Amino acid sequence: MKRKLITILIVLLVAAGAVALLKKRQNQLAEAPVAKVLPVVVEAFVPTPQQVTLTLPAMGVVSSDRSTVLSTKISGRITRIVKQEGE
């Protein structure tokens, strides 16, 4: 019984302390100075018609539809290729 009474008293003291702190904080906020409204600096200009080039940056992979595998039927070393690229 005594323990229950002490627990109730502690809870009431904590609640009273919380209410007191909230009221103190509200008073501090009420006494705080009001923030000034400062003017906004704006730069203005008259738009003129101009030609604009639009670009779109993109990333991708370039691959060919056709591919060729160069290999020999017998083992050996290639010493030269007599065909030129594109022939």
Protein backbone atom coordinates (compact mmCIF):
# COMPACT_ATOMS: atom_id res chain seq x y z
CA MET A 1 0.00 0.00 0.00
CA LYS A 2 2.80 2.39 0.97
CA ARG A 3 4.73 1.51 -2.18
CA LYS A 4 1.69 2.21 -4.36
CA LEU A 5 1.22 5.62 -2.71
CA ILE A 6 4.87 6.55 -3.33
CA THR A 7 4.57 5.50 -7.01
CA ILE A 8 1.45 7.64 -7.46
CA LEU A 9 3.19 10.63 -5.82
CA ILE A 10 6.23 10.28 -8.10
CA VAL A 11 4.01 10.11 -11.20
CA LEU A 12 2.10 13.21 -10.06
CA LEU A 13 5.35 15.12 -9.38
CA VAL A 14 6.71 14.23 -12.84
CA ALA A 15 3.45 15.30 -14.48
CA ALA A 16 3.42 18.59 -12.54
CA GLY A 17 7.03 19.24 -13.52
CA ALA A 18 6.23 18.59 -17.19
CA VAL A 19 3.28 21.00 -17.09
CA ALA A 20 5.46 23.67 -15.40
CA LEU A 21 8.18 23.28 -18.05
CA LEU A 22 5.63 23.56 -20.87
CA LYS A 23 4.14 26.75 -19.40
CA LYS A 24 7.64 28.22 -18.96
CA ARG A 25 8.50 27.41 -22.59
CA GLN A 26 5.25 28.98 -23.82
CA ASN A 27 6.04 32.17 -21.87
CA GLN A 28 9.55 32.29 -23.36
CA LEU A 29 8.16 31.93 -26.87
CA ALA A 30 5.56 34.64 -26.22
CA GLU A 31 8.27 37.07 -25.03
CA ALA A 32 10.60 36.32 -27.95
CA PRO A 33 10.94 39.16 -30.48
CA VAL A 34 9.03 38.80 -33.73
CA ALA A 35 11.21 38.00 -36.73
CA LYS A 36 11.68 40.87 -39.16
CA VAL A 37 10.34 40.57 -42.68
CA LEU A 38 13.24 41.52 -44.90
CA PRO A 39 12.76 42.65 -48.50
CA VAL A 40 13.78 40.27 -51.24
CA VAL A 41 16.30 41.57 -53.79
CA VAL A 42 15.27 40.62 -57.33
CA GLU A 43 17.14 41.26 -60.56
CA ALA A 44 14.93 41.66 -63.62
CA PHE A 45 15.73 41.82 -67.33
CA VAL A 46 13.83 42.04 -70.58
CA PRO A 47 13.97 38.78 -72.54
CA THR A 48 15.04 38.93 -76.18
CA PRO A 49 14.43 36.27 -78.83
CA GLN A 50 17.53 34.13 -79.44
CA GLN A 51 18.33 30.88 -81.16
CA VAL A 52 18.78 28.08 -78.65
CA THR A 53 20.42 24.72 -79.30
CA LEU A 54 18.85 22.02 -77.20
CA THR A 55 21.01 19.09 -76.18
CA LEU A 56 20.17 16.01 -74.20
CA PRO A 57 23.04 14.28 -72.43
CA ALA A 58 22.67 10.51 -72.54
CA MET A 59 24.75 7.44 -71.87
CA GLY A 60 24.61 4.32 -73.98
CA VAL A 61 26.46 1.53 -75.74
CA VAL A 62 27.13 1.49 -79.49
CA SER A 63 27.11 -1.98 -81.04
CA SER A 64 27.02 -3.31 -84.57
CA ASP A 65 24.24 -5.46 -86.03
CA ARG A 66 26.82 -7.57 -87.83
CA SER A 67 30.04 -9.05 -86.47
CA THR A 68 32.85 -11.15 -87.85
CA VAL A 69 35.02 -13.73 -86.20
CA LEU A 70 38.46 -14.14 -87.77
CA SER A 71 40.00 -17.54 -87.11
CA THR A 72 42.12 -20.13 -88.87
CA LYS A 73 41.30 -23.76 -89.52
CA ILE A 74 44.87 -24.77 -88.78
CA SER A 75 47.12 -23.52 -86.04
CA GLY A 76 49.75 -20.99 -87.04
CA ARG A 77 50.76 -17.34 -86.85
CA ILE A 78 49.32 -14.58 -89.01
CA THR A 79 52.20 -12.55 -90.40
CA ARG A 80 50.20 -10.10 -92.52
CA ILE A 81 46.68 -9.31 -93.75
CA VAL A 82 46.48 -8.23 -97.39
CA LYS A 83 42.92 -6.87 -97.17
CA GLN A 84 42.29 -3.34 -95.99
CA GLU A 85 39.53 -2.33 -93.62
CA GLY A 86 36.25 -1.85 -95.50
CA GLU A 87 37.10 -4.08 -98.49
